[in-house]
PDB file of N, CA and C in Angstrom:
ATOM      1  N   MET A   1      25.253  31.531  15.660  1.00  0.00           N
ATOM      2  CA  MET A   1      25.285  32.140  14.432  1.00  0.00           C
ATOM      3  C   MET A   1      24.500  31.264  13.346  1.00  0.00           C
ATOM      4  N   GLY A   2      24.864  30.081  13.307  1.00  0.00           N
ATOM      5  CA  GLY A   2      24.293  29.177  12.187  1.00  0.00           C
ATOM      6  C   GLY A   2      22.837  28.771  12.463  1.00  0.00           C
ATOM      7  N   SER A   3      22.270  28.819  13.725  1.00  0.00           N
ATOM      8  CA  SER A   3      20.970  28.415  13.954  1.00  0.00           C
ATOM      9  C   SER A   3      20.088  29.676  14.105  1.00  0.00           C
ATOM     10  N   PHE A   4      18.769  29.284  13.836  1.00  0.00           N
ATOM     11  CA  PHE A   4      17.743  30.287  13.894  1.00  0.00           C
ATOM     12  C   PHE A   4      17.317  30.460  15.370  1.00  0.00           C
ATOM     13  N   SER A   5      17.022  31.710  15.799  1.00  0.00           N
ATOM     14  CA  SER A   5      16.443  31.941  17.178  1.00  0.00           C
ATOM     15  C   SER A   5      15.000  31.925  17.090  1.00  0.00           C
ATOM     16  N   LEU A   6      14.396  32.117  18.190  1.00  0.00           N
ATOM     17  CA  LEU A   6      13.011  32.263  18.160  1.00  0.00           C
ATOM     18  C   LEU A   6      12.447  33.470  17.428  1.00  0.00           C
ATOM     19  N   TRP A   7      13.107  34.551  17.454  1.00  0.00           N
ATOM     20  CA  TRP A   7      12.757  35.738  16.800  1.00  0.00           C
ATOM     21  C   TRP A   7      12.828  35.483  15.189  1.00  0.00           C
ATOM     22  N   HIS A   8      13.748  34.722  14.754  1.00  0.00           N
ATOM     23  CA  HIS A   8      13.770  34.514  13.243  1.00  0.00           C
ATOM     24  C   HIS A   8      12.462  33.711  12.847  1.00  0.00           C
ATOM     25  N   TRP A   9      12.149  32.713  13.722  1.00  0.00           N
ATOM     26  CA  TRP A   9      11.050  31.843  13.364  1.00  0.00           C
ATOM     27  C   TRP A   9       9.730  32.601  13.397  1.00  0.00           C
ATOM     28  N   LEU A  10       9.645  33.566  14.364  1.00  0.00           N
ATOM     29  CA  LEU A  10       8.523  34.455  14.453  1.00  0.00           C
ATOM     30  C   LEU A  10       8.307  35.375  13.249  1.00  0.00           C
ATOM     31  N   VAL A  11       9.464  35.883  12.750  1.00  0.00           N
ATOM     32  CA  VAL A  11       9.429  36.812  11.592  1.00  0.00           C
ATOM     33  C   VAL A  11       9.021  35.981  10.355  1.00  0.00           C
ATOM     34  N   VAL A  12       9.512  34.739  10.187  1.00  0.00           N
ATOM     35  CA  VAL A  12       9.115  33.919   9.055  1.00  0.00           C
ATOM     36  C   VAL A  12       7.622  33.520   9.157  1.00  0.00           C
ATOM     37  N   LEU A  13       7.156  33.246  10.280  1.00  0.00           N
ATOM     38  CA  LEU A  13       5.723  32.961  10.508  1.00  0.00           C
ATOM     39  C   LEU A  13       4.834  34.126  10.110  1.00  0.00           C
ATOM     40  N   VAL A  14       5.228  35.345  10.496  1.00  0.00           N
ATOM     41  CA  VAL A  14       4.432  36.538  10.105  1.00  0.00           C
ATOM     42  C   VAL A  14       4.422  36.719   8.557  1.00  0.00           C
ATOM     43  N   ILE A  15       5.669  36.539   8.032  1.00  0.00           N
ATOM     44  CA  ILE A  15       5.739  36.655   6.498  1.00  0.00           C
ATOM     45  C   ILE A  15       4.811  35.643   5.761  1.00  0.00           C
ATOM     46  N   VAL A  16       4.836  34.396   6.210  1.00  0.00           N
ATOM     47  CA  VAL A  16       4.053  33.431   5.628  1.00  0.00           C
ATOM     48  C   VAL A  16       2.483  33.722   5.818  1.00  0.00           C
ATOM     49  N   LEU A  17       2.172  34.115   7.059  1.00  0.00           N
ATOM     50  CA  LEU A  17       0.683  34.511   7.235  1.00  0.00           C
ATOM     51  C   LEU A  17       0.210  35.736   6.389  1.00  0.00           C
ATOM     52  N   VAL A  18       1.145  36.739   6.110  1.00  0.00           N
ATOM     53  CA  VAL A  18       0.760  37.883   5.361  1.00  0.00           C
ATOM     54  C   VAL A  18       0.675  37.412   3.892  1.00  0.00           C
ATOM     55  N   LEU A  19       1.619  36.550   3.428  1.00  0.00           N
ATOM     56  CA  LEU A  19       1.658  36.155   1.973  1.00  0.00           C
ATOM     57  C   LEU A  19       0.336  35.279   1.768  1.00  0.00           C
ATOM     58  N   PHE A  20       0.088  34.250   2.494  1.00  0.00           N
ATOM     59  CA  PHE A  20      -0.937  33.251   2.244  1.00  0.00           C
ATOM     60  C   PHE A  20      -2.237  33.545   2.997  1.00  0.00           C
ATOM     61  N   GLY A  21      -2.278  34.217   4.065  1.00  0.00           N
ATOM     62  CA  GLY A  21      -3.460  34.403   4.865  1.00  0.00           C
ATOM     63  C   GLY A  21      -3.602  33.206   5.724  1.00  0.00           C
ATOM     64  N   ARG A  22      -4.448  33.468   6.780  1.00  0.00           N
ATOM     65  CA  ARG A  22      -4.838  32.374   7.714  1.00  0.00           C
ATOM     66  C   ARG A  22      -5.503  31.150   7.161  1.00  0.00           C
ATOM     67  N   GLY A  23      -6.469  31.411   6.330  1.00  0.00           N
ATOM     68  CA  GLY A  23      -7.332  30.449   5.746  1.00  0.00           C
ATOM     69  C   GLY A  23      -6.360  29.431   4.851  1.00  0.00           C
ATOM     70  N   ARG A  24      -5.509  30.044   4.135  1.00  0.00           N
ATOM     71  CA  ARG A  24      -4.812  29.245   3.197  1.00  0.00           C
ATOM     72  C   ARG A  24      -3.670  28.405   3.932  1.00  0.00           C
ATOM     73  N   VAL A  25      -3.103  28.999   4.969  1.00  0.00           N
ATOM     74  CA  VAL A  25      -2.148  28.216   5.880  1.00  0.00           C
ATOM     75  C   VAL A  25      -2.913  26.967   6.476  1.00  0.00           C
ATOM     76  N   ALA A  26      -4.188  27.297   6.954  1.00  0.00           N
ATOM     77  CA  ALA A  26      -4.948  26.239   7.678  1.00  0.00           C
ATOM     78  C   ALA A  26      -5.222  25.124   6.619  1.00  0.00           C
ATOM     79  N   ASP A  27      -5.527  25.524   5.421  1.00  0.00           N
ATOM     80  CA  ASP A  27      -5.738  24.495   4.348  1.00  0.00           C
ATOM     81  C   ASP A  27      -4.546  23.624   4.021  1.00  0.00           C
ATOM     82  N   ILE A  28      -3.433  24.289   4.011  1.00  0.00           N
ATOM     83  CA  ILE A  28      -2.150  23.606   3.766  1.00  0.00           C
ATOM     84  C   ILE A  28      -1.881  22.581   4.915  1.00  0.00           C
ATOM     85  N   MET A  29      -2.065  23.050   6.113  1.00  0.00           N
ATOM     86  CA  MET A  29      -1.906  22.131   7.375  1.00  0.00           C
ATOM     87  C   MET A  29      -2.771  20.967   7.302  1.00  0.00           C
ATOM     88  N   GLY A  30      -3.998  21.292   6.920  1.00  0.00           N
ATOM     89  CA  GLY A  30      -5.049  20.171   6.805  1.00  0.00           C
ATOM     90  C   GLY A  30      -4.747  19.040   5.767  1.00  0.00           C
ATOM     91  N   GLU A  31      -4.209  19.612   4.713  1.00  0.00           N
ATOM     92  CA  GLU A  31      -3.778  18.692   3.640  1.00  0.00           C
ATOM     93  C   GLU A  31      -2.533  17.808   4.080  1.00  0.00           C
ATOM     94  N   PHE A  32      -1.740  18.543   4.830  1.00  0.00           N
ATOM     95  CA  PHE A  32      -0.472  17.911   5.340  1.00  0.00           C
ATOM     96  C   PHE A  32      -0.887  16.781   6.323  1.00  0.00           C
ATOM     97  N   GLY A  33      -1.842  17.099   7.151  1.00  0.00           N
ATOM     98  CA  GLY A  33      -2.325  16.132   8.187  1.00  0.00           C
ATOM     99  C   GLY A  33      -2.991  14.821   7.394  1.00  0.00           C
ATOM    100  N   LYS A  34      -3.831  15.111   6.408  1.00  0.00           N
ATOM    101  CA  LYS A  34      -4.397  14.136   5.663  1.00  0.00           C
ATOM    102  C   LYS A  34      -3.363  13.252   5.063  1.00  0.00           C
ATOM    103  N   GLY A  35      -2.309  13.864   4.438  1.00  0.00           N
ATOM    104  CA  GLY A  35      -1.184  13.118   3.851  1.00  0.00           C
ATOM    105  C   GLY A  35      -0.482  12.182   4.871  1.00  0.00           C
ATOM    106  N   LEU A  36      -0.301  12.660   6.085  1.00  0.00           N
ATOM    107  CA  LEU A  36       0.282  11.822   7.137  1.00  0.00           C
ATOM    108  C   LEU A  36      -0.600  10.649   7.499  1.00  0.00           C
ATOM    109  N   LYS A  37      -1.948  10.924   7.626  1.00  0.00           N
ATOM    110  CA  LYS A  37      -2.873   9.889   7.887  1.00  0.00           C
ATOM    111  C   LYS A  37      -2.908   8.815   6.860  1.00  0.00           C
ATOM    112  N   SER A  38      -2.823   9.194   5.599  1.00  0.00           N
ATOM    113  CA  SER A  38      -2.883   8.313   4.450  1.00  0.00           C
ATOM    114  C   SER A  38      -1.657   7.530   4.524  1.00  0.00           C
ATOM    115  N   PHE A  39      -0.401   8.161   4.802  1.00  0.00           N
ATOM    116  CA  PHE A  39       0.836   7.417   4.905  1.00  0.00           C
ATOM    117  C   PHE A  39       0.876   6.336   5.979  1.00  0.00           C
ATOM    118  N   LYS A  40       0.300   6.706   7.103  1.00  0.00           N
ATOM    119  CA  LYS A  40       0.249   5.739   8.150  1.00  0.00           C
ATOM    120  C   LYS A  40      -0.615   4.550   7.868  1.00  0.00           C
ATOM    121  N   GLN A  41      -1.760   4.773   7.141  1.00  0.00           N
ATOM    122  CA  GLN A  41      -2.686   3.780   6.767  1.00  0.00           C
ATOM    123  C   GLN A  41      -1.972   2.837   5.714  1.00  0.00           C
ATOM    124  N   GLY A  42      -1.150   3.434   4.801  1.00  0.00           N
ATOM    125  CA  GLY A  42      -0.468   2.551   3.939  1.00  0.00           C
ATOM    126  C   GLY A  42       0.623   1.758   4.583  1.00  0.00           C
ATOM    127  N   MET A  43       1.242   2.248   5.515  1.00  0.00           N
ATOM    128  CA  MET A  43       2.224   1.440   6.231  1.00  0.00           C
ATOM    129  C   MET A  43       1.518   0.306   7.055  1.00  0.00           C
ATOM    130  N   LYS A  44       0.372   0.619   7.641  1.00  0.00           N
ATOM    131  CA  LYS A  44      -0.392  -0.393   8.318  1.00  0.00           C
ATOM    132  C   LYS A  44      -0.910  -1.582   7.340  1.00  0.00           C
ATOM    133  N   ASP A  45      -1.284  -1.092   6.148  1.00  0.00           N
ATOM    134  CA  ASP A  45      -1.719  -2.062   5.097  1.00  0.00           C
ATOM    135  C   ASP A  45      -0.572  -2.947   4.680  1.00  0.00           C
ATOM    136  N   GLU A  46       0.533  -2.305   4.548  1.00  0.00           N
ATOM    137  CA  GLU A  46       1.839  -3.133   4.089  1.00  0.00           C
ATOM    138  C   GLU A  46       2.189  -4.102   5.132  1.00  0.00           C
ATOM    139  N   ASP A  47       2.045  -3.667   6.386  1.00  0.00           N
ATOM    140  CA  ASP A  47       2.413  -4.759   7.483  1.00  0.00           C
ATOM    141  C   ASP A  47       1.448  -5.840   7.494  1.00  0.00           C
ATOM    142  N   GLU A  48       0.109  -5.567   7.171  1.00  0.00           N
ATOM    143  CA  GLU A  48      -0.751  -6.703   7.299  1.00  0.00           C
ATOM    144  C   GLU A  48      -0.607  -7.574   6.131  1.00  0.00           C
ATOM    145  N   GLU A  49      -0.144  -6.982   4.924  1.00  0.00           N
ATOM    146  CA  GLU A  49       0.067  -7.703   3.827  1.00  0.00           C
ATOM    147  C   GLU A  49       1.296  -8.713   4.001  1.00  0.00           C
ATOM    148  N   LYS A  50       2.308  -8.238   4.659  1.00  0.00           N
ATOM    149  CA  LYS A  50       3.496  -9.038   4.970  1.00  0.00           C
ATOM    150  C   LYS A  50       3.002 -10.190   5.883  1.00  0.00           C
ATOM    151  N   SER A  51       2.402  -9.873   6.968  1.00  0.00           N
ATOM    152  CA  SER A  51       1.955 -10.896   7.874  1.00  0.00           C
ATOM    153  C   SER A  51       1.145 -11.985   7.207  1.00  0.00           C
ATOM    154  N   ARG A  52       0.233 -11.548   6.196  1.00  0.00           N
ATOM    155  CA  ARG A  52      -0.567 -12.522   5.456  1.00  0.00           C
ATOM    156  C   ARG A  52       0.354 -13.472   4.527  1.00  0.00           C
ATOM    157  N   ARG A  53       1.372 -12.801   3.962  1.00  0.00           N
ATOM    158  CA  ARG A  53       2.290 -13.508   3.155  1.00  0.00           C
ATOM    159  C   ARG A  53       3.176 -14.496   3.935  1.00  0.00           C
ATOM    160  N   ILE A  54       3.496 -14.215   5.109  1.00  0.00           N
ATOM    161  CA  ILE A  54       4.365 -14.995   6.000  1.00  0.00           C
ATOM    162  C   ILE A  54       3.580 -16.173   6.480  1.00  0.00           C
ATOM    163  N   SER A  55       2.329 -15.993   6.743  1.00  0.00           N
ATOM    164  CA  SER A  55       1.437 -17.018   7.307  1.00  0.00           C
ATOM    165  C   SER A  55       1.225 -18.203   6.220  1.00  0.00           C
ATOM    166  N   GLY A  56       1.387 -17.908   4.949  1.00  0.00           N
ATOM    167  CA  GLY A  56       1.196 -18.893   3.914  1.00  0.00           C
ATOM    168  C   GLY A  56      -0.065 -18.705   3.187  1.00  0.00           C
ATOM    169  N   PRO A  57      -0.240 -19.555   2.222  1.00  0.00           N
ATOM    170  CA  PRO A  57      -1.477 -19.459   1.315  1.00  0.00           C
ATOM    171  C   PRO A  57      -2.712 -19.822   2.058  1.00  0.00           C
ATOM    172  N   SER A  58      -3.846 -19.328   1.677  1.00  0.00           N
ATOM    173  CA  SER A  58      -5.106 -19.634   2.402  1.00  0.00           C
ATOM    174  C   SER A  58      -5.858 -20.636   1.677  1.00  0.00           C
ATOM    175  N   HIS A  59      -5.279 -21.376   0.637  1.00  0.00           N
ATOM    176  CA  HIS A  59      -6.000 -22.460  -0.039  1.00  0.00           C
ATOM    177  C   HIS A  59      -5.227 -23.776   0.283  1.00  0.00           C
ATOM    178  N   GLU A  60      -5.984 -24.857  -0.095  1.00  0.00           N
ATOM    179  CA  GLU A  60      -5.336 -26.124   0.189  1.00  0.00           C
ATOM    180  C   GLU A  60      -4.721 -26.643  -1.046  1.00  0.00           C
ATOM    181  N   ALA A  61      -3.483 -26.854  -1.072  1.00  0.00           N
ATOM    182  CA  ALA A  61      -2.728 -27.398  -2.292  1.00  0.00           C
ATOM    183  C   ALA A  61      -2.596 -28.823  -2.040  1.00  0.00           C
ATOM    184  N   LYS A  62      -2.532 -29.554  -3.173  1.00  0.00           N
ATOM    185  CA  LYS A  62      -2.207 -30.992  -3.154  1.00  0.00           C
ATOM    186  C   LYS A  62      -0.774 -31.156  -2.905  1.00  0.00           C
ATOM    187  N   PRO A  63      -0.343 -32.218  -2.169  1.00  0.00           N
ATOM    188  CA  PRO A  63       1.075 -32.562  -2.063  1.00  0.00           C
ATOM    189  C   PRO A  63       1.641 -32.828  -3.383  1.00  0.00           C
ATOM    190  N   ALA A  64       2.967 -32.624  -3.513  1.00  0.00           N
ATOM    191  CA  ALA A  64       3.634 -32.715  -4.837  1.00  0.00           C
ATOM    192  C   ALA A  64       3.419 -34.061  -5.434  1.00  0.00           C
ATOM    193  N   GLY A  65       3.373 -35.047  -4.630  1.00  0.00           N
ATOM    194  CA  GLY A  65       3.261 -36.464  -5.115  1.00  0.00           C
ATOM    195  C   GLY A  65       1.900 -36.753  -5.802  1.00  0.00           C
ATOM    196  N   GLU A  66       0.813 -36.101  -5.221  1.00  0.00           N
ATOM    197  CA  GLU A  66      -0.514 -36.276  -5.822  1.00  0.00           C
ATOM    198  C   GLU A  66      -0.657 -35.398  -6.998  1.00  0.00           C
ATOM    199  N   ALA A  67      -0.051 -34.170  -7.090  1.00  0.00           N
ATOM    200  CA  ALA A  67      -0.171 -33.329  -8.162  1.00  0.00           C
ATOM    201  C   ALA A  67       0.608 -33.968  -9.339  1.00  0.00           C
ATOM    202  N   ALA A  68       1.740 -34.640  -9.230  1.00  0.00           N
ATOM    203  CA  ALA A  68       2.423 -35.253 -10.251  1.00  0.00           C
ATOM    204  C   ALA A  68       1.743 -36.479 -10.770  1.00  0.00           C
ATOM    205  N   GLN A  69       0.985 -37.176 -10.118  1.00  0.00           N
ATOM    206  CA  GLN A  69       0.156 -38.313 -10.601  1.00  0.00           C
ATOM    207  C   GLN A  69      -1.015 -37.847 -11.459  1.00  0.00           C
ATOM    208  N   ASP A  70      -1.618 -36.835 -11.115  1.00  0.00           N
ATOM    209  CA  ASP A  70      -2.855 -36.338 -11.807  1.00  0.00           C
ATOM    210  C   ASP A  70      -2.705 -34.827 -12.198  1.00  0.00           C
ATOM    211  N   PRO A  71      -1.832 -34.453 -13.036  1.00  0.00           N
ATOM    212  CA  PRO A  71      -1.572 -33.071 -13.342  1.00  0.00           C
ATOM    213  C   PRO A  71      -2.833 -32.256 -13.780  1.00  0.00           C
ATOM    214  N   GLN A  72      -3.787 -32.778 -14.638  1.00  0.00           N
ATOM    215  CA  GLN A  72      -4.971 -32.056 -15.017  1.00  0.00           C
ATOM    216  C   GLN A  72      -6.019 -33.139 -15.038  1.00  0.00           C
ATOM    217  N   PRO A  73      -6.798 -33.192 -13.861  1.00  0.00           N
ATOM    218  CA  PRO A  73      -7.722 -34.250 -13.811  1.00  0.00           C
ATOM    219  C   PRO A  73      -8.968 -34.089 -14.726  1.00  0.00           C
ATOM    220  N   ASP A  74      -9.342 -32.892 -15.203  1.00  0.00           N
ATOM    221  CA  ASP A  74     -10.447 -32.626 -16.008  1.00  0.00           C
ATOM    222  C   ASP A  74     -10.160 -32.768 -17.461  1.00  0.00           C
ATOM    223  N   ALA A  75      -8.900 -32.805 -17.919  1.00  0.00           N
ATOM    224  CA  ALA A  75      -8.577 -32.803 -19.248  1.00  0.00           C
ATOM    225  C   ALA A  75      -8.674 -34.179 -19.822  1.00  0.00           C
ATOM    226  N   GLN A  76      -9.055 -34.374 -21.168  1.00  0.00           N
ATOM    227  CA  GLN A  76      -9.104 -35.525 -21.846  1.00  0.00           C
ATOM    228  C   GLN A  76      -7.735 -35.880 -22.428  1.00  0.00           C
ATOM    229  N   PRO A  77      -7.398 -37.247 -22.598  1.00  0.00           N
ATOM    230  CA  PRO A  77      -6.088 -37.564 -23.166  1.00  0.00           C
ATOM    231  C   PRO A  77      -6.012 -36.974 -24.666  1.00  0.00           C
ATOM    232  N   ALA A  78      -4.854 -36.664 -25.107  1.00  0.00           N
ATOM    233  CA  ALA A  78      -4.699 -35.909 -26.382  1.00  0.00           C
ATOM    234  C   ALA A  78      -5.063 -36.784 -27.560  1.00  0.00           C
ATOM    235  N   GLY A  79      -5.080 -38.053 -27.664  1.00  0.00           N
ATOM    236  CA  GLY A  79      -5.536 -38.755 -28.790  1.00  0.00           C
ATOM    237  C   GLY A  79      -6.991 -39.004 -28.790  1.00  0.00           C
ATOM    238  N   ARG A  80      -7.743 -38.790 -27.705  1.00  0.00           N
ATOM    239  CA  ARG A  80      -9.169 -39.111 -27.732  1.00  0.00           C
ATOM    240  C   ARG A  80     -10.046 -37.861 -27.583  1.00  0.00           C
ATOM    241  N   ALA A  81      -9.844 -36.903 -28.344  1.00  0.00           N
ATOM    242  CA  ALA A  81     -10.616 -35.739 -28.400  1.00  0.00           C
ATOM    243  C   ALA A  81     -11.924 -36.037 -29.181  1.00  0.00           C
ATOM    244  N   ASP A  82     -13.029 -35.401 -28.723  1.00  0.00           N
ATOM    245  CA  ASP A  82     -14.415 -35.717 -29.232  1.00  0.00           C
ATOM    246  C   ASP A  82     -14.388 -34.996 -30.626  1.00  0.00           C
ATOM    247  N   ARG A  83     -14.580 -35.798 -31.744  1.00  0.00           N
ATOM    248  CA  ARG A  83     -14.622 -35.258 -33.037  1.00  0.00           C
ATOM    249  C   ARG A  83     -15.916 -35.543 -33.731  1.00  0.00           C
ATOM    250  N   SER A  84     -16.978 -35.195 -33.140  1.00  0.00           N
ATOM    251  CA  SER A  84     -18.232 -35.352 -33.691  1.00  0.00           C
ATOM    252  C   SER A  84     -18.789 -34.183 -34.349  1.00  0.00           C
ATOM    253  N   LEU A  85     -18.185 -33.625 -35.418  1.00  0.00           N
ATOM    254  CA  LEU A  85     -18.660 -32.482 -36.233  1.00  0.00           C
ATOM    255  C   LEU A  85     -19.403 -32.929 -37.335  1.00  0.00           C
TER     256      LEU A  85
END
C-alpha cells in the first residue's frame, strides 16, 4: 500500500513527458549529469588539497633558532635611518 508499483511510476513518467516534452526532460537530465560531474570534480580537488596540506609546506623555512637571531635581515636598525633630505 505504501510503496509505488511499476504502474505508478509509468503513469508519473507519462505525465512528466506530456507536461515538459521529450526535449525538456533530456535537457534537465543533461544538466543533472553536468552537476554530478562538477560535484565529483570538486570532491577530487578537495582530496588533492587535503593531501597537499598534510604533506607540509613546499617552501624552505628557517629553523626557529635562526629566525629568532635574525628576524628581519633586510631592515635597518631603528636609530640609523637614512635622513638625507
